[in-house]
C-alpha atoms as a PDB file:
ATOM      1  CA  MET A   1       0.157   0.397   0.187  1.00  0.00           C
ATOM      2  CA  ILE A   2       0.958   3.573  -0.814  1.00  0.00           C
ATOM      3  CA  VAL A   3       0.570   3.957   3.343  1.00  0.00           C
ATOM      4  CA  THR A   4       2.837   1.467   4.350  1.00  0.00           C
ATOM      5  CA  ASP A   5       5.786   0.279   1.446  1.00  0.00           C
ATOM      6  CA  ILE A   6       8.266   2.952   1.100  1.00  0.00           C
ATOM      7  CA  GLN A   7       8.724   2.847   5.105  1.00  0.00           C
ATOM      8  CA  ALA A   8       9.075  -1.165   4.560  1.00  0.00           C
ATOM      9  CA  CYS A   9      11.566  -1.066   2.116  1.00  0.00           C
ATOM     10  CA  PHE A  10      13.740   1.550   4.390  1.00  0.00           C
ATOM     11  CA  ALA A  11      13.096  -0.767   7.120  1.00  0.00           C
ATOM     12  CA  ILE A  12      14.148  -3.943   5.319  1.00  0.00           C
ATOM     13  CA  GLY A  13      17.405  -2.463   3.923  1.00  0.00           C
ATOM     14  CA  ALA A  14      18.371  -1.322   7.737  1.00  0.00           C
ATOM     15  CA  LEU A  15      17.553  -5.019   8.936  1.00  0.00           C
ATOM     16  CA  TYR A  16      19.383  -6.655   6.223  1.00  0.00           C
ATOM     17  CA  ALA A  17      22.165  -4.356   7.614  1.00  0.00           C
ATOM     18  CA  ASP A  18      21.593  -5.054  11.301  1.00  0.00           C
ATOM     19  CA  LEU A  19      21.355  -8.684  10.628  1.00  0.00           C
ATOM     20  CA  ALA A  20      24.715  -8.970   8.648  1.00  0.00           C
ATOM     21  CA  ALA A  21      26.169  -7.240  11.634  1.00  0.00           C
ATOM     22  CA  PRO A  22      28.661  -9.818  12.447  1.00  0.00           C
ATOM     23  CA  LEU A  23      29.644 -10.358   8.678  1.00  0.00           C
ATOM     24  CA  LEU A  24      30.082  -6.802   8.094  1.00  0.00           C
ATOM     25  CA  ALA A  25      32.324  -5.988  11.154  1.00  0.00           C
ATOM     26  CA  ALA A  26      34.790  -9.156   9.686  1.00  0.00           C
ATOM     27  CA  THR A  27      34.750  -7.843   6.380  1.00  0.00           C
ATOM     28  CA  THR A  28      34.353  -4.038   5.866  1.00  0.00           C
ATOM     29  CA  LYS A  29      36.495  -0.825   6.940  1.00  0.00           C
ATOM     30  CA  PRO A  30      33.618   1.823   8.168  1.00  0.00           C
ATOM     31  CA  GLU A  31      35.866   4.933   6.635  1.00  0.00           C
ATOM     32  CA  SER A  32      35.617   2.877   2.896  1.00  0.00           C
ATOM     33  CA  PHE A  33      32.312   0.668   3.015  1.00  0.00           C
ATOM     34  CA  ALA A  34      30.695   2.828   0.205  1.00  0.00           C
ATOM     35  CA  GLY A  35      33.270   1.055  -2.039  1.00  0.00           C
ATOM     36  CA  SER A  36      33.386  -2.398  -0.739  1.00  0.00           C
ATOM     37  CA  ASP A  37      32.229  -5.590  -2.557  1.00  0.00           C
ATOM     38  CA  VAL A  38      30.071  -6.751   0.297  1.00  0.00           C
ATOM     39  CA  TYR A  39      28.374  -3.456   0.426  1.00  0.00           C
ATOM     40  CA  ALA A  40      27.291  -3.755  -3.367  1.00  0.00           C
ATOM     41  CA  ARG A  41      26.308  -7.279  -2.716  1.00  0.00           C
ATOM     42  CA  PHE A  42      24.069  -5.725  -0.054  1.00  0.00           C
ATOM     43  CA  ARG A  43      23.115  -2.814  -2.036  1.00  0.00           C
ATOM     44  CA  HIS A  44      22.274  -5.073  -5.042  1.00  0.00           C
ATOM     45  CA  ARG A  45      19.590  -7.440  -3.313  1.00  0.00           C
ATOM     46  CA  VAL A  46      17.742  -4.690  -1.531  1.00  0.00           C
ATOM     47  CA  LEU A  47      17.626  -2.723  -4.705  1.00  0.00           C
ATOM     48  CA  LEU A  48      16.289  -5.727  -6.176  1.00  0.00           C
ATOM     49  CA  TYR A  49      13.576  -6.003  -3.551  1.00  0.00           C
ATOM     50  CA  PRO A  50      11.565  -2.954  -4.583  1.00  0.00           C
ATOM     51  CA  ALA A  51      12.231  -3.447  -8.529  1.00  0.00           C
ATOM     52  CA  LEU A  52      10.849  -7.195  -8.761  1.00  0.00           C
ATOM     53  CA  PHE A  53       8.692  -7.951  -6.013  1.00  0.00           C
ATOM     54  CA  LEU A  54       7.268  -4.596  -4.062  1.00  0.00           C
ATOM     55  CA  GLY A  55       6.685  -2.318  -6.656  1.00  0.00           C
ATOM     56  CA  PRO A  56       4.937  -4.847  -9.268  1.00  0.00           C
ATOM     57  CA  SER A  57       2.926  -5.625  -6.535  1.00  0.00           C
ATOM     58  CA  ALA A  58       1.849  -2.272  -5.457  1.00  0.00           C
ATOM     59  CA  THR A  59       1.309  -1.675  -9.469  1.00  0.00           C
ATOM     60  CA  LEU A  60      -1.130  -4.430 -10.180  1.00  0.00           C
ATOM     61  CA  PHE A  61      -2.921  -3.321  -6.924  1.00  0.00           C
ATOM     62  CA  MET A  62      -2.786   0.379  -7.906  1.00  0.00           C
ATOM     63  CA  LEU A  63      -3.980  -0.655 -11.497  1.00  0.00           C
ATOM     64  CA  ALA A  64      -7.123  -3.143  -9.713  1.00  0.00           C
ATOM     65  CA  TRP A  65      -8.099  -1.611  -6.591  1.00  0.00           C
ATOM     66  CA  PRO A  66      -6.402   2.424  -6.880  1.00  0.00           C
ATOM     67  CA  GLY A  67      -8.347   3.282  -3.830  1.00  0.00           C
ATOM     68  CA  TRP A  68      -7.586  -0.155  -2.080  1.00  0.00           C
ATOM     69  CA  GLU A  69      -4.248   0.959  -2.160  1.00  0.00           C
ATOM     70  CA  SER A  70      -4.415   4.185  -1.796  1.00  0.00           C
ATOM     71  CA  GLN A  71      -5.763   3.373   1.326  1.00  0.00           C
ATOM     72  CA  TYR A  72      -8.533   6.220   0.024  1.00  0.00           C
ATOM     73  CA  LEU A  73      -6.406   9.116   0.352  1.00  0.00           C
ATOM     74  CA  GLY A  74      -7.752  11.049  -2.534  1.00  0.00           C
ATOM     75  CA  SER A  75      -8.684  10.703  -5.656  1.00  0.00           C
ATOM     76  CA  ALA A  76      -5.322  12.585  -6.811  1.00  0.00           C
ATOM     77  CA  PHE A  77      -4.111   8.549  -7.106  1.00  0.00           C
ATOM     78  CA  VAL A  78      -6.982   7.275  -8.525  1.00  0.00           C
ATOM     79  CA  ASP A  79      -8.057  10.000 -11.099  1.00  0.00           C
ATOM     80  CA  THR A  80      -4.841   9.463 -13.944  1.00  0.00           C
ATOM     81  CA  ALA A  81      -6.085   9.522 -17.234  1.00  0.00           C
ATOM     82  CA  GLY A  82      -5.146  12.612 -18.742  1.00  0.00           C
ATOM     83  CA  SER A  83      -3.467  13.932 -15.408  1.00  0.00           C
ATOM     84  CA  PRO A  84      -0.014  13.696 -15.701  1.00  0.00           C
ATOM     85  CA  PHE A  85       0.585  15.110 -12.154  1.00  0.00           C
ATOM     86  CA  HIS A  86      -1.458  12.604 -10.430  1.00  0.00           C
ATOM     87  CA  ALA A  87       0.275   9.967 -12.661  1.00  0.00           C
ATOM     88  CA  ALA A  88       3.521  11.273 -11.464  1.00  0.00           C
ATOM     89  CA  LEU A  89       2.524  10.500  -7.852  1.00  0.00           C
ATOM     90  CA  PHE A  90       2.777   7.137  -8.264  1.00  0.00           C
ATOM     91  CA  ALA A  91       5.510   7.118  -9.886  1.00  0.00           C
ATOM     92  CA  ALA A  92       7.240   9.300  -7.363  1.00  0.00           C
ATOM     93  CA  PHE A  93       6.076   6.361  -4.763  1.00  0.00           C
ATOM     94  CA  LEU A  94       7.806   4.012  -7.022  1.00  0.00           C
ATOM     95  CA  PHE A  95      11.306   5.911  -7.014  1.00  0.00           C
ATOM     96  CA  LEU A  96      10.632   6.321  -3.818  1.00  0.00           C
ATOM     97  CA  LEU A  97      10.453   2.445  -2.495  1.00  0.00           C
ATOM     98  CA  ALA A  98      14.316   2.070  -3.890  1.00  0.00           C
ATOM     99  CA  ALA A  99      15.156   5.559  -3.014  1.00  0.00           C
ATOM    100  CA  GLY A 100      14.022   4.020   0.436  1.00  0.00           C
ATOM    101  CA  ALA A 101      15.713   0.494   0.481  1.00  0.00           C
ATOM    102  CA  TRP A 102      19.101   1.717  -0.771  1.00  0.00           C
ATOM    103  CA  PHE A 103      18.967   4.863   1.934  1.00  0.00           C
ATOM    104  CA  GLY A 104      18.528   2.076   5.148  1.00  0.00           C
ATOM    105  CA  ASN A 105      20.476  -0.400   3.745  1.00  0.00           C
ATOM    106  CA  TRP A 106      23.005   2.397   3.443  1.00  0.00           C
ATOM    107  CA  LEU A 107      22.454   3.940   7.295  1.00  0.00           C
ATOM    108  CA  GLY A 108      22.155   0.708   8.284  1.00  0.00           C
ATOM    109  CA  PHE A 109      26.154  -0.037   7.162  1.00  0.00           C
ATOM    110  CA  LYS A 110      27.085   3.189   8.244  1.00  0.00           C
ATOM    111  CA  TRP A 111      25.371   2.827  11.754  1.00  0.00           C
ATOM    112  CA  VAL A 112      26.699  -0.811  12.292  1.00  0.00           C
ATOM    113  CA  LEU A 113      30.253  -0.102  11.409  1.00  0.00           C
ATOM    114  CA  ALA A 114      29.600   2.411  14.127  1.00  0.00           C
ATOM    115  CA  GLY A 115      28.449   0.433  16.743  1.00  0.00           C
ATOM    116  CA  ALA A 116      25.436   2.219  16.291  1.00  0.00           C
ATOM    117  CA  ARG A 117      22.904  -0.904  16.108  1.00  0.00           C
ATOM    118  CA  ARG A 118      20.893  -0.308  19.221  1.00  0.00           C
ATOM    119  CA  ARG A 119      20.138   3.189  17.242  1.00  0.00           C
ATOM    120  CA  LEU A 120      19.672   1.421  14.021  1.00  0.00           C
ATOM    121  CA  ARG A 121      17.082  -0.743  15.669  1.00  0.00           C
ATOM    122  CA  ALA A 122      15.336   1.544  17.519  1.00  0.00           C
ATOM    123  CA  LEU A 123      15.295   3.754  13.827  1.00  0.00           C
ATOM    124  CA  TYR A 124      13.675   1.369  12.017  1.00  0.00           C
ATOM    125  CA  LEU A 125      10.976  -0.377  14.873  1.00  0.00           C
ATOM    126  CA  GLY A 126      10.465   2.845  15.237  1.00  0.00           C
ATOM    127  CA  ILE A 127       9.035   3.344  11.522  1.00  0.00           C
ATOM    128  CA  LEU A 128       7.616   0.179  11.419  1.00  0.00           C
ATOM    129  CA  ALA A 129       5.459   0.906  14.566  1.00  0.00           C
ATOM    130  CA  ALA A 130       4.234   4.570  13.055  1.00  0.00           C
ATOM    131  CA  THR A 131       3.400   2.811   9.800  1.00  0.00           C
ATOM    132  CA  VAL A 132       1.414   0.263  11.702  1.00  0.00           C
ATOM    133  CA  ALA A 133      -0.314   3.360  13.645  1.00  0.00           C
ATOM    134  CA  LEU A 134      -1.043   4.842  10.235  1.00  0.00           C
ATOM    135  CA  VAL A 135      -3.065   1.770   8.962  1.00  0.00           C
ATOM    136  CA  VAL A 136      -4.880   1.665  12.592  1.00  0.00           C
ATOM    137  CA  LEU A 137      -5.540   5.913  12.453  1.00  0.00           C
ATOM    138  CA  ARG A 138      -6.814   4.838   8.689  1.00  0.00           C
ATOM    139  CA  TRP A 139      -9.262   2.058  10.142  1.00  0.00           C
ATOM    140  CA  PRO A 140     -11.510   0.693   8.438  1.00  0.00           C
ATOM    141  CA  ALA A 141      -9.819   1.839   5.563  1.00  0.00           C
ATOM    142  CA  PHE A 142      -7.512  -1.545   5.230  1.00  0.00           C
ATOM    143  CA  VAL A 143      -9.854  -4.160   5.395  1.00  0.00           C
ATOM    144  CA  HIS A 144     -13.177  -2.210   2.916  1.00  0.00           C
ATOM    145  CA  LEU A 145     -12.460  -2.300  -1.002  1.00  0.00           C
ATOM    146  CA  GLY A 146     -14.655  -0.023  -3.233  1.00  0.00           C
ATOM    147  CA  SER A 147     -13.675   3.827  -4.692  1.00  0.00           C
ATOM    148  CA  VAL A 148     -13.111   6.520  -2.671  1.00  0.00           C
ATOM    149  CA  GLN A 149     -15.791   8.256  -3.361  1.00  0.00           C
ATOM    150  CA  ALA A 150     -17.750   5.772  -1.898  1.00  0.00           C
ATOM    151  CA  PHE A 151     -15.219   5.168   0.976  1.00  0.00           C
ATOM    152  CA  ASP A 152     -15.642   8.881   2.076  1.00  0.00           C
ATOM    153  CA  GLN A 153     -19.642   8.781   2.065  1.00  0.00           C
ATOM    154  CA  ASN A 154     -19.970   5.179   4.006  1.00  0.00           C
ATOM    155  CA  PRO A 155     -17.060   2.822   4.027  1.00  0.00           C
ATOM    156  CA  ASP A 156     -19.345   0.477   6.168  1.00  0.00           C
ATOM    157  CA  GLN A 157     -21.740   0.267   3.233  1.00  0.00           C
ATOM    158  CA  LEU A 158     -18.591  -1.265   1.405  1.00  0.00           C
ATOM    159  CA  PRO A 159     -17.777  -5.133   1.590  1.00  0.00           C
ATOM    160  CA  PHE A 160     -14.700  -6.734   2.729  1.00  0.00           C
ATOM    161  CA  ILE A 161     -11.654  -7.654   1.656  1.00  0.00           C
ATOM    162  CA  TRP A 162     -12.285 -11.359   2.114  1.00  0.00           C
ATOM    163  CA  ASN A 163     -15.909 -11.128   0.799  1.00  0.00           C
ATOM    164  CA  ASP A 164     -14.358 -10.190  -2.739  1.00  0.00           C
ATOM    165  CA  ALA A 165     -12.143 -13.715  -3.768  1.00  0.00           C
ATOM    166  CA  VAL A 166     -10.004 -12.097  -6.655  1.00  0.00           C
ATOM    167  CA  PHE A 167      -8.482  -9.462  -4.185  1.00  0.00           C
ATOM    168  CA  PHE A 168      -7.749 -11.912  -1.455  1.00  0.00           C
ATOM    169  CA  ILE A 169      -6.696 -14.289  -3.424  1.00  0.00           C
ATOM    170  CA  SER A 170      -4.348 -11.736  -5.135  1.00  0.00           C
ATOM    171  CA  PHE A 171      -3.684 -10.430  -1.717  1.00  0.00           C
ATOM    172  CA  LEU A 172      -2.341 -13.504  -0.116  1.00  0.00           C
ATOM    173  CA  ALA A 173      -0.547 -14.471  -3.177  1.00  0.00           C
ATOM    174  CA  LEU A 174       1.427 -11.188  -3.602  1.00  0.00           C
ATOM    175  CA  THR A 175       2.298 -11.171  -0.072  1.00  0.00           C
ATOM    176  CA  SER A 176       3.201 -14.373  -0.166  1.00  0.00           C
ATOM    177  CA  TYR A 177       5.425 -13.693  -3.010  1.00  0.00           C
ATOM    178  CA  CYS A 178       6.813 -10.727  -1.377  1.00  0.00           C
ATOM    179  CA  ALA A 179       7.866 -12.899   1.885  1.00  0.00           C
ATOM    180  CA  ALA A 180       9.601 -15.163   0.174  1.00  0.00           C
ATOM    181  CA  PRO A 181      12.841 -13.603  -0.861  1.00  0.00           C
ATOM    182  CA  LEU A 182      12.932 -12.078   2.594  1.00  0.00           C
ATOM    183  CA  LEU A 183      12.612 -15.317   3.945  1.00  0.00           C
ATOM    184  CA  VAL A 184      15.525 -16.883   1.618  1.00  0.00           C
ATOM    185  CA  TRP A 185      17.905 -14.016   2.484  1.00  0.00           C
ATOM    186  CA  TRP A 186      17.306 -13.986   6.471  1.00  0.00           C
ATOM    187  CA  ILE A 187      18.025 -17.847   6.211  1.00  0.00           C
ATOM    188  CA  ARG A 188      21.175 -17.761   3.909  1.00  0.00           C
ATOM    189  CA  LEU A 189      22.350 -14.224   6.016  1.00  0.00           C
ATOM    190  CA  ARG A 190      21.548 -16.505   9.138  1.00  0.00           C
ATOM    191  CA  LYS A 191      23.928 -19.359   7.460  1.00  0.00           C
ATOM    192  CA  GLN A 192      26.847 -16.966   6.671  1.00  0.00           C
ATOM    193  CA  VAL A 193      27.033 -15.494   9.892  1.00  0.00           C
ATOM    194  CA  ALA A 194      27.166 -19.130  11.636  1.00  0.00           C
ATOM    195  CA  ALA A 195      29.915 -19.913   9.756  1.00  0.00           C
ATOM    196  CA  LEU A 196      31.861 -17.319  10.032  1.00  0.00           C
ATOM    197  CA  GLU A 197      31.299 -17.263  13.721  1.00  0.00           C
ATOM    198  CA  PHE A 198      32.459 -20.945  13.341  1.00  0.00           C
ATOM    199  CA  ARG A 199      35.236 -19.703  11.843  1.00  0.00           C
ATOM    200  CA  GLY A 200      36.618 -17.739  14.550  1.00  0.00           C
ATOM    201  CA  ALA A 201      35.521 -19.990  17.433  1.00  0.00           C
ATOM    202  CA  THR A 202      38.074 -22.626  15.405  1.00  0.00           C
ATOM    203  CA  GLU A 203      40.637 -20.112  14.779  1.00  0.00           C
ATOM    204  CA  ARG A 204      40.406 -19.185  18.702  1.00  0.00           C
ATOM    205  CA  SER A 205      40.739 -22.721  20.037  1.00  0.00           C
ATOM    206  CA  PRO A 206      44.048 -23.804  21.234  1.00  0.00           C
ATOM    207  CA  ARG A 207      46.247 -25.948  17.987  1.00  0.00           C
ATOM    208  CA  GLY A 208      46.066 -28.913  19.573  1.00  0.00           C
ATOM    209  CA  ASP A 209      42.609 -29.488  21.032  1.00  0.00           C
ATOM    210  CA  SER A 210      41.144 -32.313  19.681  1.00  0.00           C
ATOM    211  CA  PRO A 211      37.355 -32.763  19.972  1.00  0.00           C
ATOM    212  CA  SER A 212      36.486 -35.373  22.818  1.00  0.00           C
END
């Protein structure tokens, strides 16, 4: 949704750097991380997320159910035909998805390598909490499906999202589609960090020790 996805991309970029903190500390120098191979690899992955997953999913919802995707904020996001300015709002939204993911990852690298993981966590968790609060403030926009005009008149008259089979199946499918790469990245990252920690423990053990 327009009111949530930019913040989500920022949080994903920051969280990715936070989870990889042991790997970053072992392979990257704080003063030169922006030119490192590790940062380039992570930046590439977080930018692929809005390009291949969240951006296309948001576009599908915007074209099929613009009122719900915009959380009924107004007609500007919906009445785009013949209005380049209105259409540019969604284009800016797509751009900000990538910008948010990049900035979250860049800031995450910077703060992790500066020893400020707690500050980073407070920031992205605070942003996620504020995003949830925004959805709650827009309630019942999240659970109703219809046009902006109908929602403004009487949202309680609109059907629930689970009453529209096409929408609900699309919602579940695309939510799974967007969640899958995050799960894969998390599993791979955990394995890389575990391997690094095991290698470090092995190197610190006395040379003569052998497993009992």
